[in-house]
Amino acid sequence: MHRFFSYIGLPALLFSFCSFFFVVGDSSAQSEWNSFLKDPSHSSKTLETILLPLNKRWTFEAGDAIYSSPVVAGGKVCFGSNDEYIYCLAAESGQLLWKFKTGGKIIGSPLLQDGKCYVGSADGRFYALDAGSGSLIWKIVVGGPVFSSPVASSGRIYFASSDSNLHAIDASSGESLWRRKLPDYKYGGIYPSPALSGGLVYIADKKGVLYALDDAKGAVKWKVETGSAIYSSPAISGNLVVIASYDDHLYAFDKVEGAQIWKLDMSDWIYASPLILDKLVIAASTDNYIYAVDIKEGRIVWKYDMDGRISSTPIAVGRYIISASESGKVAVIDTAIGVDKWRVNLDEAIHGSPAFYEGWLYLIGKNGSLF
């Protein structure tokens, strides 16, 4: 369902029935947000600027819950749903352009690349669709459900499946280039999305291990163990790869050698992926707080209360961080001091991570709404 209405002056009661799609200020950078956490390194940031307050333009409702984070490119916004559909909407009007039915829930984010929409499904298949029409180009069968979001580089697509395999496939044909089985255990599987940088692909698993593999052949270059399962996807910037673990710690490693640079006790487990800025690492915890951590020393600089558990990775837009919680709170936070400059409380929990492109902020609600 697609609805238009004004945000200004609406009674608060409407917030419990509607989700929000906000329009924000002029853009200073035009890089697309075409994959989970924006790009292959999971930067989750843009140099665009925001004009506050944010103004709601439209909302769209899918047929079931949404855990998939939205991606935006080429005038389209795409996301998956538990109703087994991948949806594609016009990015500015919210008009449904097409939807495609798979055979299972879609938990991971799609990838928009070179006129195609790539997405994995819980049906154990990985799909390539025409981004313009939604028609099937090809599909392949993998060894288990796919909850991991794909990333792309040099004509290759990388994603993981819950049978603990990391896959590299040809983007044009779906042909397997290599497949790496990571050691498993009884609660095993791979949920995070891989990240790419400098000829290496980084992936973590539920056994609590972070791997760096050669992106061309899949050979393991190094691996490090944390104290528990990892659902967080790695983020890479400069010489760092940062990841969070269910052992309540945030880790920073040298991305080339795998040497631990620092380890910070967060007092609770972290589901969301980290966000790396110039001087800070931003970590969203299940203890309801957003933490800003000094990137060199691994110490907490400030924290911000989101009034609810956070599963969604915060994003950086210019000087601000945008975060959303399972309580429905959305906050625009000044990065320097950890104080919100604008916020709204929604009655729909937010699990997926936001996307931002050409002045528009996209948010996903667990009840099935696109904000």
Protein backbone atom coordinates (compact mmCIF):
# COMPACT_ATOMS: atom_id res chain seq x y z
CA MET A 1 0.00 0.00 0.00
CA HIS A 2 1.23 3.49 -0.87
CA ARG A 3 0.07 6.65 0.94
CA PHE A 4 0.88 10.37 0.72
CA PHE A 5 0.44 12.76 3.66
CA SER A 6 2.14 15.66 5.39
CA TYR A 7 4.32 15.18 8.45
CA ILE A 8 3.85 18.70 9.85
CA GLY A 9 0.81 18.99 12.13
CA LEU A 10 -0.17 15.32 12.17
CA PRO A 11 -1.46 14.13 15.52
CA ALA A 12 0.80 11.72 17.31
CA LEU A 13 -1.78 8.99 16.93
CA LEU A 14 -0.91 8.66 13.25
CA PHE A 15 2.65 7.68 14.14
CA SER A 16 1.40 4.31 15.39
CA PHE A 17 -0.14 3.43 12.04
CA CYS A 18 2.30 4.85 9.54
CA SER A 19 5.96 4.57 8.74
CA PHE A 20 7.96 7.48 7.46
CA PHE A 21 10.13 8.33 4.49
CA PHE A 22 12.01 11.53 5.16
CA VAL A 23 13.34 14.08 2.71
CA VAL A 24 16.44 16.01 3.77
CA GLY A 25 18.70 18.74 2.47
CA ASP A 26 20.88 19.42 -0.54
CA SER A 27 23.40 16.77 -1.45
CA SER A 28 27.12 17.45 -1.69
CA ALA A 29 28.08 13.94 -2.77
CA GLN A 30 26.20 11.69 -5.16
CA SER A 31 27.63 8.23 -4.46
CA GLU A 32 24.96 5.56 -4.58
CA TRP A 33 23.91 3.42 -1.62
CA ASN A 34 23.67 0.32 -3.77
CA SER A 35 24.52 -2.39 -1.25
CA PHE A 36 24.25 -3.27 2.44
CA LEU A 37 25.97 -0.54 4.48
CA LYS A 38 26.49 1.40 1.23
CA ASP A 39 29.58 -0.16 -0.39
CA PRO A 40 31.95 -3.16 -0.36
CA SER A 41 33.94 -1.82 2.63
CA HIS A 42 30.72 -1.20 4.64
CA SER A 43 31.52 2.49 5.08
CA SER A 44 27.89 3.41 6.00
CA LYS A 45 28.60 7.09 5.34
CA THR A 46 28.14 9.87 2.83
CA LEU A 47 29.34 13.48 2.53
CA GLU A 48 25.83 14.71 1.82
CA THR A 49 24.26 17.23 4.20
CA ILE A 50 21.00 17.32 6.13
CA LEU A 51 18.55 20.16 6.63
CA LEU A 52 16.58 19.69 9.85
CA PRO A 53 13.81 19.03 10.68
CA LEU A 54 13.15 16.05 8.42
CA ASN A 55 9.87 15.99 6.49
CA LYS A 56 7.91 12.87 5.66
CA ARG A 57 6.81 12.39 2.03
CA TRP A 58 5.36 8.87 1.61
CA THR A 59 5.21 5.37 2.99
CA PHE A 60 4.99 1.90 1.44
CA GLU A 61 3.90 -1.34 3.08
CA ALA A 62 5.06 -4.83 2.13
CA GLY A 63 3.14 -8.00 2.89
CA ASP A 64 5.12 -9.10 5.96
CA ALA A 65 7.95 -8.16 8.32
CA ILE A 66 11.15 -6.63 6.94
CA TYR A 67 14.65 -7.33 8.24
CA SER A 68 16.40 -6.57 4.94
CA SER A 69 18.06 -3.13 4.78
CA PRO A 70 17.13 -0.94 1.80
CA VAL A 71 19.54 -0.14 -1.04
CA VAL A 72 19.25 2.79 -3.46
CA ALA A 73 20.73 3.36 -6.93
CA GLY A 74 19.66 4.51 -10.37
CA GLY A 75 16.45 6.08 -9.12
CA LYS A 76 15.31 2.85 -7.45
CA VAL A 77 15.06 1.63 -3.87
CA CYS A 78 15.00 -2.15 -3.30
CA PHE A 79 14.50 -4.36 -0.25
CA GLY A 80 13.36 -7.86 0.66
CA SER A 81 10.61 -9.08 2.98
CA ASN A 82 9.52 -12.12 4.97
CA ASP A 83 6.66 -12.41 2.45
CA GLU A 84 9.33 -13.87 0.10
CA TYR A 85 9.25 -10.91 -2.29
CA ILE A 86 11.97 -8.56 -3.40
CA TYR A 87 10.44 -5.10 -3.93
CA CYS A 88 11.62 -2.30 -6.20
CA LEU A 89 10.16 1.22 -5.87
CA ALA A 90 10.78 4.55 -7.56
CA ALA A 91 13.18 6.24 -5.16
CA GLU A 92 11.48 9.65 -5.05
CA SER A 93 7.78 8.85 -5.56
CA GLY A 94 7.54 5.48 -3.79
CA GLN A 95 5.66 3.96 -6.74
CA LEU A 96 5.97 0.18 -6.93
CA LEU A 97 7.93 -0.60 -10.09
CA TRP A 98 8.03 -4.38 -9.68
CA LYS A 99 8.20 -7.21 -7.19
CA PHE A 100 9.62 -10.71 -7.58
CA LYS A 101 8.62 -13.80 -5.60
CA THR A 102 11.32 -16.16 -4.37
CA GLY A 103 10.72 -19.40 -2.49
CA GLY A 104 11.70 -18.16 0.97
CA LYS A 105 12.13 -15.19 3.27
CA ILE A 106 14.57 -12.49 2.22
CA ILE A 107 16.59 -11.38 5.24
CA GLY A 108 19.69 -9.95 3.58
CA SER A 109 19.84 -6.79 1.51
CA PRO A 110 19.87 -6.88 -2.28
CA LEU A 111 22.69 -5.48 -4.40
CA LEU A 112 22.03 -3.09 -7.31
CA GLN A 113 24.88 -3.34 -9.78
CA ASP A 114 25.25 -2.81 -13.55
CA GLY A 115 21.52 -2.89 -14.23
CA LYS A 116 20.91 -6.02 -12.17
CA CYS A 117 19.43 -6.71 -8.76
CA TYR A 118 21.18 -9.56 -6.94
CA VAL A 119 19.61 -11.14 -3.87
CA GLY A 120 19.79 -14.32 -1.80
CA SER A 121 16.80 -16.10 -0.27
CA ALA A 122 16.06 -18.54 2.52
CA ASP A 123 15.02 -20.96 -0.23
CA GLY A 124 18.72 -21.74 -0.76
CA ARG A 125 18.95 -19.88 -4.06
CA PHE A 126 20.71 -16.77 -5.24
CA TYR A 127 19.01 -14.63 -7.90
CA ALA A 128 20.01 -12.13 -10.58
CA LEU A 129 17.09 -9.97 -11.74
CA ASP A 130 16.80 -7.24 -14.33
CA ALA A 131 16.75 -4.05 -12.22
CA GLY A 132 14.46 -2.32 -14.69
CA SER A 133 11.74 -4.96 -15.03
CA GLY A 134 12.30 -7.46 -12.22
CA SER A 135 12.50 -10.33 -14.71
CA LEU A 136 14.70 -13.31 -13.83
CA ILE A 137 18.08 -13.39 -15.56
CA TRP A 138 19.45 -16.42 -13.75
CA LYS A 139 19.34 -18.22 -10.42
CA ILE A 140 21.67 -20.70 -8.79
CA VAL A 141 21.20 -23.24 -6.02
CA VAL A 142 23.59 -23.03 -3.08
CA GLY A 143 24.01 -25.37 -0.12
CA GLY A 144 21.77 -23.60 2.36
CA PRO A 145 19.57 -20.55 3.04
CA VAL A 146 21.18 -17.20 2.21
CA PHE A 147 20.85 -14.54 4.91
CA SER A 148 24.09 -12.74 4.05
CA SER A 149 23.97 -9.61 1.87
CA PRO A 150 26.07 -9.72 -1.33
CA VAL A 151 28.90 -7.36 -2.31
CA ALA A 152 30.57 -6.91 -5.70
CA SER A 153 34.01 -6.18 -7.12
CA SER A 154 35.73 -6.68 -10.50
CA GLY A 155 32.86 -8.65 -12.02
CA ARG A 156 32.52 -10.95 -9.01
CA ILE A 157 29.71 -11.28 -6.47
CA TYR A 158 30.52 -12.44 -2.93
CA PHE A 159 28.01 -13.76 -0.40
CA ALA A 160 27.74 -16.44 2.29
CA SER A 161 25.20 -19.21 2.93
CA SER A 162 24.08 -20.76 6.21
CA ASP A 163 25.89 -24.02 5.42
CA SER A 164 29.06 -22.04 6.30
CA ASN A 165 30.21 -21.52 2.71
CA LEU A 166 31.56 -18.27 1.33
CA HIS A 167 30.81 -17.98 -2.39
CA ALA A 168 32.47 -16.05 -5.20
CA ILE A 169 30.47 -16.13 -8.44
CA ASP A 170 30.65 -14.51 -11.86
CA ALA A 171 28.30 -11.51 -11.88
CA SER A 172 27.22 -12.08 -15.49
CA SER A 173 26.48 -15.81 -15.46
CA GLY A 174 26.25 -16.91 -11.81
CA GLU A 175 29.02 -19.44 -12.48
CA SER A 176 30.92 -20.42 -9.35
CA LEU A 177 34.47 -19.06 -9.31
CA TRP A 178 35.33 -20.50 -5.92
CA ARG A 179 33.68 -21.63 -2.71
CA ARG A 180 35.30 -21.74 0.71
CA LYS A 181 33.87 -23.91 3.48
CA LEU A 182 34.55 -22.36 6.87
CA PRO A 183 34.78 -24.62 9.94
CA ASP A 184 31.36 -25.26 11.39
CA TYR A 185 29.85 -26.35 14.67
CA LYS A 186 26.34 -27.32 15.78
CA TYR A 187 25.10 -23.73 15.94
CA GLY A 188 27.12 -22.69 12.92
CA GLY A 189 26.37 -20.70 9.82
CA ILE A 190 27.27 -17.34 8.34
CA TYR A 191 24.86 -14.43 8.75
CA PRO A 192 27.15 -11.40 8.26
CA SER A 193 27.83 -9.85 4.89
CA PRO A 194 31.39 -10.03 3.52
CA ALA A 195 33.41 -6.84 3.17
CA LEU A 196 36.04 -6.13 0.52
CA SER A 197 39.25 -4.08 0.59
CA GLY A 198 42.71 -4.28 -0.97
CA GLY A 199 42.28 -7.65 -2.65
CA LEU A 200 40.91 -9.33 0.47
CA VAL A 201 37.42 -10.43 1.43
CA TYR A 202 36.57 -10.34 5.14
CA ILE A 203 33.87 -12.56 6.64
CA ALA A 204 32.87 -13.64 10.15
CA ASP A 205 30.88 -16.66 11.34
CA LYS A 206 28.80 -17.90 14.26
CA LYS A 207 31.81 -19.77 15.56
CA GLY A 208 33.25 -16.36 16.44
CA VAL A 209 36.04 -16.25 13.86
CA LEU A 210 36.90 -13.38 11.51
CA TYR A 211 38.62 -14.44 8.28
CA ALA A 212 40.56 -12.55 5.62
CA LEU A 213 40.70 -14.41 2.29
CA ASP A 214 42.22 -13.70 -1.09
CA ASP A 215 39.36 -12.37 -3.22
CA ALA A 216 40.56 -14.07 -6.44
CA LYS A 217 41.11 -17.62 -5.17
CA GLY A 218 39.54 -17.78 -1.71
CA ALA A 219 42.74 -18.76 0.11
CA VAL A 220 42.72 -17.87 3.82
CA LYS A 221 45.32 -15.18 4.53
CA TRP A 222 44.64 -14.87 8.25
CA LYS A 223 41.99 -15.55 10.85
CA VAL A 224 41.35 -14.38 14.40
CA GLU A 225 39.05 -15.75 17.09
CA THR A 226 36.69 -13.81 19.31
CA GLY A 227 34.96 -15.19 22.38
CA SER A 228 31.52 -15.89 20.90
CA ALA A 229 29.35 -15.89 17.78
CA ILE A 230 29.50 -12.99 15.33
CA TYR A 231 26.41 -11.55 13.65
CA SER A 232 28.00 -8.15 13.02
CA SER A 233 29.47 -7.57 9.56
CA PRO A 234 33.04 -6.24 9.40
CA ALA A 235 33.67 -2.59 8.53
CA ILE A 236 36.92 -1.44 6.93
CA SER A 237 38.61 1.95 6.79
CA GLY A 238 42.27 2.88 6.42
CA ASN A 239 44.33 0.08 7.95
CA LEU A 240 41.52 -1.09 10.24
CA VAL A 241 38.91 -3.81 10.15
CA VAL A 242 36.47 -3.50 13.05
CA ILE A 243 33.92 -6.06 14.19
CA ALA A 244 31.71 -6.78 17.21
CA SER A 245 31.10 -10.13 18.91
CA TYR A 246 28.52 -11.72 21.20
CA ASP A 247 31.30 -11.86 23.80
CA ASP A 248 30.37 -8.20 24.55
CA HIS A 249 33.52 -6.82 22.94
CA LEU A 250 34.34 -4.55 20.05
CA TYR A 251 37.55 -5.46 18.18
CA ALA A 252 39.91 -3.52 15.91
CA PHE A 253 42.44 -5.47 13.81
CA ASP A 254 45.09 -4.58 11.29
CA LYS A 255 43.41 -5.37 7.98
CA VAL A 256 46.56 -6.73 6.30
CA GLU A 257 48.11 -8.87 9.04
CA GLY A 258 45.17 -9.49 11.39
CA ALA A 259 47.04 -8.23 14.46
CA GLN A 260 44.75 -7.00 17.23
CA ILE A 261 45.07 -3.25 17.72
CA TRP A 262 42.59 -2.92 20.56
CA LYS A 263 39.67 -4.69 22.24
CA LEU A 264 36.95 -2.89 24.19
CA ASP A 265 34.54 -4.39 26.72
CA MET A 266 31.07 -3.06 25.83
CA SER A 267 29.25 -4.72 28.78
CA ASP A 268 26.58 -6.19 26.46
CA TRP A 269 26.49 -7.95 23.12
CA ILE A 270 26.42 -6.12 19.81
CA TYR A 271 24.33 -7.24 16.86
CA ALA A 272 24.82 -4.18 14.61
CA SER A 273 27.88 -3.57 12.49
CA PRO A 274 30.35 -0.83 13.46
CA LEU A 275 30.64 2.52 11.71
CA ILE A 276 34.18 3.87 11.22
CA LEU A 277 34.72 7.65 11.08
CA ASP A 278 37.95 9.65 10.91
CA LYS A 279 38.59 9.69 14.65
CA LEU A 280 35.80 7.54 16.06
CA VAL A 281 34.27 4.11 15.77
CA ILE A 282 30.51 4.16 16.37
CA ALA A 283 29.04 1.03 17.96
CA ALA A 284 25.34 0.38 18.58
CA SER A 285 24.71 -1.95 21.51
CA THR A 286 21.79 -4.04 22.71
CA ASP A 287 22.09 -2.15 26.02
CA ASN A 288 20.23 0.71 24.22
CA TYR A 289 23.26 2.98 23.79
CA ILE A 290 25.19 4.35 20.83
CA TYR A 291 28.89 4.50 21.75
CA ALA A 292 31.57 6.70 20.20
CA VAL A 293 34.98 5.04 20.64
CA ASP A 294 38.36 6.68 20.07
CA ILE A 295 39.72 5.00 16.95
CA LYS A 296 43.35 4.93 18.13
CA GLU A 297 42.97 4.09 21.81
CA GLY A 298 39.77 2.04 21.91
CA ARG A 299 38.22 4.09 24.74
CA ILE A 300 34.66 5.43 24.99
CA VAL A 301 34.36 9.16 24.23
CA TRP A 302 30.58 9.58 24.57
CA LYS A 303 27.39 7.54 24.57
CA TYR A 304 23.79 8.28 23.59
CA ASP A 305 20.63 6.57 24.90
CA MET A 306 18.35 5.30 22.09
CA ASP A 307 15.59 4.23 24.53
CA GLY A 308 15.56 0.69 23.15
CA ARG A 309 17.69 -2.18 21.91
CA ILE A 310 19.63 -1.37 18.74
CA SER A 311 19.99 -3.94 15.96
CA SER A 312 20.37 -1.39 13.16
CA THR A 313 23.78 -0.07 12.14
CA PRO A 314 23.98 3.75 12.43
CA ILE A 315 24.96 5.72 9.35
CA ALA A 316 26.94 8.95 8.98
CA VAL A 317 25.60 11.81 6.86
CA GLY A 318 27.97 14.75 6.91
CA ARG A 319 28.55 15.78 10.53
CA TYR A 320 25.65 13.73 11.86
CA ILE A 321 24.95 10.13 12.82
CA ILE A 322 21.49 8.73 12.14
CA SER A 323 20.42 5.84 14.33
CA ALA A 324 17.21 3.85 14.84
CA SER A 325 16.13 1.45 17.58
CA GLU A 326 13.79 -1.47 18.20
CA SER A 327 11.65 0.95 20.25
CA GLY A 328 10.98 2.96 17.10
CA LYS A 329 13.13 5.95 18.01
CA VAL A 330 15.02 7.69 15.19
CA ALA A 331 17.71 10.19 16.18
CA VAL A 332 20.00 12.56 14.30
CA ILE A 333 23.06 12.91 16.54
CA ASP A 334 25.90 15.44 16.39
CA THR A 335 29.02 13.32 15.93
CA ALA A 336 31.30 15.65 17.87
CA ILE A 337 29.36 15.80 21.15
CA GLY A 338 26.86 12.92 21.10
CA VAL A 339 23.76 15.14 21.45
CA ASP A 340 20.70 14.71 19.25
CA LYS A 341 19.68 17.57 16.96
CA TRP A 342 16.39 16.00 15.89
CA ARG A 343 14.44 12.88 16.82
CA VAL A 344 11.08 11.21 16.37
CA ASN A 345 9.45 8.29 18.15
CA LEU A 346 7.72 5.70 15.98
CA ASP A 347 5.64 2.74 17.13
CA GLU A 348 7.20 0.42 14.60
CA ALA A 349 10.46 -1.24 15.58
CA ILE A 350 13.40 -0.78 13.23
CA HIS A 351 15.79 -3.66 12.65
CA GLY A 352 17.35 -3.00 9.24
CA SER A 353 19.97 -0.29 8.72
CA PRO A 354 19.10 3.06 7.10
CA ALA A 355 20.15 4.16 3.62
CA PHE A 356 20.71 7.70 2.40
CA TYR A 357 20.92 8.94 -1.18
CA GLU A 358 20.46 12.31 -2.91
CA GLY A 359 18.80 13.94 0.09
CA TRP A 360 16.45 11.10 1.00
CA LEU A 361 16.61 8.96 4.14
CA TYR A 362 15.14 5.46 3.87
CA LEU A 363 14.20 3.39 6.94
CA ILE A 364 12.68 -0.07 7.24
CA GLY A 365 10.12 -1.11 9.87
CA LYS A 366 9.85 -4.67 11.16
CA ASN A 367 6.07 -4.67 10.63
CA GLY A 368 6.61 -4.34 6.88
CA SER A 369 6.83 -0.61 6.21
CA LEU A 370 9.34 1.42 4.23
CA PHE A 371 9.95 4.77 5.92
